[in-house]
Amino acid sequence: MPGKVGMTTTQRMAVLRNQASNLLWYGRIETTLGRAKELRPYVEKIITLAMNTYEDTVETTVTTKDKKGKEVVSKIYKDGAKKLAARRKILTLTYDLQEQRGKETMAEFKARTAGVKHPLVEKIFNEIAPKYAQRAEELGQRGGYTRIYQLGERRGDAAPTAIIELV
């Protein structure tokens, strides 16, 4: 990482993880221009990692017996080795944001979030990676997943501010 943004390494990495998590969750954040420029390659590497591995799943068939003694065959889809490694790598590069309950009942919220341990990682693999993979096929290019808009100077300390968003 070329710029130090006026922080120690641990502070800088914590800020990058936090901002990357929020950018991937919400789609856009407002921050200083220097932080936005440091955040861009960090987030693009996460998206590229997810794009390269999101289709790696393994299908297995499991035969079990139900209460009546009949054999039941079911298919189980699990992550392949590459997707599992990518999932673990993304977990180290981002913070785990939890799903927020909107204007829905608690039962609806629990039904919607049942079985999802890491909502941000699921969003990256299920929504963001397929969207950018399709975009890469259509345009014939990879990369360029973020956009930075410069806003001007912040009122309190005159720091240049910017909005960074996913394209």
C-alpha atoms as a PDB file:
ATOM      1  CA  MET A   1       0.000   0.000   0.000  1.00  0.00           C
ATOM      2  CA  PRO A   2       1.767   3.157  -1.132  1.00  0.00           C
ATOM      3  CA  GLY A   3       0.116   5.795   1.066  1.00  0.00           C
ATOM      4  CA  LYS A   4       0.213   5.811   4.824  1.00  0.00           C
ATOM      5  CA  VAL A   5      -2.711   8.235   5.290  1.00  0.00           C
ATOM      6  CA  GLY A   6      -1.107   9.525   8.502  1.00  0.00           C
ATOM      7  CA  MET A   7      -1.678   6.344  10.556  1.00  0.00           C
ATOM      8  CA  THR A   8       0.212   3.375  11.882  1.00  0.00           C
ATOM      9  CA  THR A   9      -0.110   0.087  10.007  1.00  0.00           C
ATOM     10  CA  THR A  10      -2.641  -1.474  12.373  1.00  0.00           C
ATOM     11  CA  GLN A  11      -4.809   1.639  12.374  1.00  0.00           C
ATOM     12  CA  ARG A  12      -4.612   1.935   8.591  1.00  0.00           C
ATOM     13  CA  MET A  13      -5.551  -1.708   8.046  1.00  0.00           C
ATOM     14  CA  ALA A  14      -8.467  -1.405  10.483  1.00  0.00           C
ATOM     15  CA  VAL A  15      -9.770   1.680   8.656  1.00  0.00           C
ATOM     16  CA  LEU A  16      -9.407  -0.058   5.280  1.00  0.00           C
ATOM     17  CA  ARG A  17     -11.245  -3.168   6.506  1.00  0.00           C
ATOM     18  CA  ASN A  18     -14.021  -1.045   7.972  1.00  0.00           C
ATOM     19  CA  GLN A  19     -14.436   1.131   4.903  1.00  0.00           C
ATOM     20  CA  ALA A  20     -14.222  -1.837   2.525  1.00  0.00           C
ATOM     21  CA  SER A  21     -16.921  -3.650   4.507  1.00  0.00           C
ATOM     22  CA  ASN A  22     -19.202  -0.617   4.450  1.00  0.00           C
ATOM     23  CA  LEU A  23     -18.560   0.045   0.756  1.00  0.00           C
ATOM     24  CA  LEU A  24     -19.375  -3.542  -0.195  1.00  0.00           C
ATOM     25  CA  TRP A  25     -22.465  -3.562   2.047  1.00  0.00           C
ATOM     26  CA  TYR A  26     -23.983  -0.178   1.165  1.00  0.00           C
ATOM     27  CA  GLY A  27     -22.539   0.380  -2.316  1.00  0.00           C
ATOM     28  CA  ARG A  28     -21.173   3.869  -1.632  1.00  0.00           C
ATOM     29  CA  ILE A  29     -19.519   5.789   1.202  1.00  0.00           C
ATOM     30  CA  GLU A  30     -18.265   9.309   1.747  1.00  0.00           C
ATOM     31  CA  THR A  31     -14.704   9.703   2.998  1.00  0.00           C
ATOM     32  CA  THR A  32     -11.581  11.758   2.403  1.00  0.00           C
ATOM     33  CA  LEU A  33      -9.972  11.673  -1.020  1.00  0.00           C
ATOM     34  CA  GLY A  34      -6.775  10.040   0.251  1.00  0.00           C
ATOM     35  CA  ARG A  35      -8.669   7.236   1.965  1.00  0.00           C
ATOM     36  CA  ALA A  36     -10.830   6.702  -1.112  1.00  0.00           C
ATOM     37  CA  LYS A  37      -7.738   6.352  -3.293  1.00  0.00           C
ATOM     38  CA  GLU A  38      -6.248   3.820  -0.871  1.00  0.00           C
ATOM     39  CA  LEU A  39      -9.532   1.934  -0.623  1.00  0.00           C
ATOM     40  CA  ARG A  40     -10.035   1.471  -4.366  1.00  0.00           C
ATOM     41  CA  PRO A  41      -7.376  -1.252  -5.019  1.00  0.00           C
ATOM     42  CA  TYR A  42      -8.232  -2.987  -1.734  1.00  0.00           C
ATOM     43  CA  VAL A  43     -11.898  -3.397  -2.689  1.00  0.00           C
ATOM     44  CA  GLU A  44     -11.178  -4.265  -6.304  1.00  0.00           C
ATOM     45  CA  LYS A  45      -8.932  -7.147  -5.236  1.00  0.00           C
ATOM     46  CA  ILE A  46     -11.735  -8.499  -3.035  1.00  0.00           C
ATOM     47  CA  ILE A  47     -14.228  -8.306  -5.898  1.00  0.00           C
ATOM     48  CA  THR A  48     -11.793  -9.935  -8.339  1.00  0.00           C
ATOM     49  CA  LEU A  49     -11.145 -12.772  -5.894  1.00  0.00           C
ATOM     50  CA  ALA A  50     -14.883 -13.367  -5.551  1.00  0.00           C
ATOM     51  CA  MET A  51     -15.454 -13.155  -9.316  1.00  0.00           C
ATOM     52  CA  ASN A  52     -12.821 -15.773 -10.053  1.00  0.00           C
ATOM     53  CA  THR A  53     -14.261 -18.325  -7.624  1.00  0.00           C
ATOM     54  CA  TYR A  54     -17.996 -17.722  -7.132  1.00  0.00           C
ATOM     55  CA  GLU A  55     -19.027 -20.589  -9.442  1.00  0.00           C
ATOM     56  CA  ASP A  56     -16.862 -23.238  -7.719  1.00  0.00           C
ATOM     57  CA  THR A  57     -19.446 -25.479  -6.034  1.00  0.00           C
ATOM     58  CA  VAL A  58     -19.512 -29.215  -5.444  1.00  0.00           C
ATOM     59  CA  GLU A  59     -22.723 -31.223  -5.627  1.00  0.00           C
ATOM     60  CA  THR A  60     -23.009 -34.356  -3.494  1.00  0.00           C
ATOM     61  CA  THR A  61     -25.895 -36.760  -3.040  1.00  0.00           C
ATOM     62  CA  VAL A  62     -26.706 -38.026   0.420  1.00  0.00           C
ATOM     63  CA  THR A  63     -28.964 -40.972   1.165  1.00  0.00           C
ATOM     64  CA  THR A  64     -30.686 -40.963   4.553  1.00  0.00           C
ATOM     65  CA  LYS A  65     -33.612 -42.789   6.112  1.00  0.00           C
ATOM     66  CA  ASP A  66     -36.675 -40.945   7.336  1.00  0.00           C
ATOM     67  CA  LYS A  67     -38.849 -41.845  10.337  1.00  0.00           C
ATOM     68  CA  LYS A  68     -40.779 -44.480   8.404  1.00  0.00           C
ATOM     69  CA  GLY A  69     -37.638 -46.253   7.199  1.00  0.00           C
ATOM     70  CA  LYS A  70     -37.796 -45.044   3.596  1.00  0.00           C
ATOM     71  CA  GLU A  71     -34.595 -43.948   1.911  1.00  0.00           C
ATOM     72  CA  VAL A  72     -34.477 -40.279   0.999  1.00  0.00           C
ATOM     73  CA  VAL A  73     -31.952 -39.001  -1.534  1.00  0.00           C
ATOM     74  CA  SER A  74     -31.035 -35.331  -1.275  1.00  0.00           C
ATOM     75  CA  LYS A  75     -28.536 -33.145  -3.079  1.00  0.00           C
ATOM     76  CA  ILE A  76     -26.210 -30.896  -1.110  1.00  0.00           C
ATOM     77  CA  TYR A  77     -24.267 -28.045  -2.642  1.00  0.00           C
ATOM     78  CA  LYS A  78     -21.022 -27.083  -0.917  1.00  0.00           C
ATOM     79  CA  ASP A  79     -18.211 -24.689  -1.724  1.00  0.00           C
ATOM     80  CA  GLY A  80     -15.339 -26.088  -3.747  1.00  0.00           C
ATOM     81  CA  ALA A  81     -11.765 -25.767  -2.555  1.00  0.00           C
ATOM     82  CA  LYS A  82     -11.078 -22.504  -4.419  1.00  0.00           C
ATOM     83  CA  LYS A  83     -14.311 -20.841  -3.298  1.00  0.00           C
ATOM     84  CA  LEU A  84     -13.761 -21.907   0.299  1.00  0.00           C
ATOM     85  CA  ALA A  85     -10.245 -20.466   0.283  1.00  0.00           C
ATOM     86  CA  ALA A  86     -11.548 -17.240  -1.281  1.00  0.00           C
ATOM     87  CA  ARG A  87     -14.350 -17.046   1.291  1.00  0.00           C
ATOM     88  CA  ARG A  88     -11.841 -17.371   4.144  1.00  0.00           C
ATOM     89  CA  LYS A  89      -9.546 -14.778   2.562  1.00  0.00           C
ATOM     90  CA  ILE A  90     -12.445 -12.317   2.208  1.00  0.00           C
ATOM     91  CA  LEU A  91     -13.374 -12.917   5.855  1.00  0.00           C
ATOM     92  CA  THR A  92      -9.867 -11.788   6.832  1.00  0.00           C
ATOM     93  CA  LEU A  93     -10.026  -8.708   4.586  1.00  0.00           C
ATOM     94  CA  THR A  94     -13.427  -7.433   5.774  1.00  0.00           C
ATOM     95  CA  TYR A  95     -15.401  -7.106   8.975  1.00  0.00           C
ATOM     96  CA  ASP A  96     -18.510  -9.219   9.335  1.00  0.00           C
ATOM     97  CA  LEU A  97     -21.498  -6.871   9.111  1.00  0.00           C
ATOM     98  CA  GLN A  98     -24.793  -8.235  10.350  1.00  0.00           C
ATOM     99  CA  GLU A  99     -28.130  -7.968   8.605  1.00  0.00           C
ATOM    100  CA  GLN A 100     -30.383  -5.202   9.935  1.00  0.00           C
ATOM    101  CA  ARG A 101     -34.091  -5.677  10.475  1.00  0.00           C
ATOM    102  CA  GLY A 102     -36.151  -3.226   8.463  1.00  0.00           C
ATOM    103  CA  LYS A 103     -39.903  -2.728   8.484  1.00  0.00           C
ATOM    104  CA  GLU A 104     -40.698  -6.396   8.919  1.00  0.00           C
ATOM    105  CA  THR A 105     -41.795  -8.600  11.753  1.00  0.00           C
ATOM    106  CA  MET A 106     -39.267 -10.558  13.767  1.00  0.00           C
ATOM    107  CA  ALA A 107     -40.553 -13.828  12.297  1.00  0.00           C
ATOM    108  CA  GLU A 108     -40.069 -12.548   8.739  1.00  0.00           C
ATOM    109  CA  PHE A 109     -36.583 -11.291   9.620  1.00  0.00           C
ATOM    110  CA  LYS A 110     -35.593 -14.653  11.129  1.00  0.00           C
ATOM    111  CA  ALA A 111     -36.980 -16.509   8.118  1.00  0.00           C
ATOM    112  CA  ARG A 112     -35.045 -14.260   5.734  1.00  0.00           C
ATOM    113  CA  THR A 113     -31.752 -14.575   7.606  1.00  0.00           C
ATOM    114  CA  ALA A 114     -31.995 -18.234   8.617  1.00  0.00           C
ATOM    115  CA  GLY A 115     -28.819 -20.166   7.843  1.00  0.00           C
ATOM    116  CA  VAL A 116     -26.752 -17.095   6.921  1.00  0.00           C
ATOM    117  CA  LYS A 117     -23.717 -16.797   9.174  1.00  0.00           C
ATOM    118  CA  HIS A 118     -21.791 -14.144   7.265  1.00  0.00           C
ATOM    119  CA  PRO A 119     -24.207 -11.857   5.378  1.00  0.00           C
ATOM    120  CA  LEU A 120     -21.514  -9.638   3.831  1.00  0.00           C
ATOM    121  CA  VAL A 121     -19.623 -12.580   2.341  1.00  0.00           C
ATOM    122  CA  GLU A 122     -22.876 -14.060   1.054  1.00  0.00           C
ATOM    123  CA  LYS A 123     -23.725 -10.729  -0.568  1.00  0.00           C
ATOM    124  CA  ILE A 124     -20.297 -10.575  -2.212  1.00  0.00           C
ATOM    125  CA  PHE A 125     -20.575 -14.086  -3.673  1.00  0.00           C
ATOM    126  CA  ASN A 126     -24.298 -14.059  -4.536  1.00  0.00           C
ATOM    127  CA  GLU A 127     -24.861 -10.490  -5.763  1.00  0.00           C
ATOM    128  CA  ILE A 128     -21.666  -8.550  -6.422  1.00  0.00           C
ATOM    129  CA  ALA A 129     -19.474 -11.220  -8.071  1.00  0.00           C
ATOM    130  CA  PRO A 130     -22.086 -12.416 -10.628  1.00  0.00           C
ATOM    131  CA  LYS A 131     -22.956  -8.814 -11.510  1.00  0.00           C
ATOM    132  CA  TYR A 132     -19.346  -7.883 -12.261  1.00  0.00           C
ATOM    133  CA  ALA A 133     -18.642 -11.197 -14.023  1.00  0.00           C
ATOM    134  CA  GLN A 134     -21.520 -10.469 -16.398  1.00  0.00           C
ATOM    135  CA  ARG A 135     -20.230  -6.915 -16.834  1.00  0.00           C
ATOM    136  CA  ALA A 136     -16.744  -8.271 -17.640  1.00  0.00           C
ATOM    137  CA  GLU A 137     -18.198 -10.561 -20.320  1.00  0.00           C
ATOM    138  CA  GLU A 138     -20.221  -7.779 -21.918  1.00  0.00           C
ATOM    139  CA  LEU A 139     -17.472  -5.159 -21.951  1.00  0.00           C
ATOM    140  CA  GLY A 140     -14.577  -7.570 -22.455  1.00  0.00           C
ATOM    141  CA  GLN A 141     -12.566  -6.035 -19.628  1.00  0.00           C
ATOM    142  CA  ARG A 142     -11.939  -6.716 -15.983  1.00  0.00           C
ATOM    143  CA  GLY A 143     -11.375  -4.211 -13.212  1.00  0.00           C
ATOM    144  CA  GLY A 144     -12.786  -0.749 -12.757  1.00  0.00           C
ATOM    145  CA  TYR A 145     -15.403  -1.779 -10.214  1.00  0.00           C
ATOM    146  CA  THR A 146     -15.320   1.483  -8.254  1.00  0.00           C
ATOM    147  CA  ARG A 147     -15.786   5.143  -9.060  1.00  0.00           C
ATOM    148  CA  ILE A 148     -14.554   8.158  -7.085  1.00  0.00           C
ATOM    149  CA  TYR A 149     -16.317  11.539  -7.143  1.00  0.00           C
ATOM    150  CA  GLN A 150     -14.488  14.488  -5.621  1.00  0.00           C
ATOM    151  CA  LEU A 151     -16.777  16.677  -3.528  1.00  0.00           C
ATOM    152  CA  GLY A 152     -14.623  19.543  -2.334  1.00  0.00           C
ATOM    153  CA  GLU A 153     -13.228  20.481   1.037  1.00  0.00           C
ATOM    154  CA  ARG A 154     -14.703  19.501   4.377  1.00  0.00           C
ATOM    155  CA  ARG A 155     -15.834  22.445   6.460  1.00  0.00           C
ATOM    156  CA  GLY A 156     -14.017  21.714   9.713  1.00  0.00           C
ATOM    157  CA  ASP A 157     -10.481  20.898   8.597  1.00  0.00           C
ATOM    158  CA  ALA A 158     -10.549  21.633   4.853  1.00  0.00           C
ATOM    159  CA  ALA A 159      -9.742  18.010   3.989  1.00  0.00           C
ATOM    160  CA  PRO A 160     -10.674  17.062   0.413  1.00  0.00           C
ATOM    161  CA  THR A 161     -13.677  14.737   0.503  1.00  0.00           C
ATOM    162  CA  ALA A 162     -14.917  12.212  -2.021  1.00  0.00           C
ATOM    163  CA  ILE A 163     -17.612   9.624  -2.582  1.00  0.00           C
ATOM    164  CA  ILE A 164     -16.453   6.161  -3.577  1.00  0.00           C
ATOM    165  CA  GLU A 165     -19.078   3.841  -5.011  1.00  0.00           C
ATOM    166  CA  LEU A 166     -19.415   0.535  -6.778  1.00  0.00           C
ATOM    167  CA  VAL A 167     -20.091   0.949 -10.490  1.00  0.00           C
END
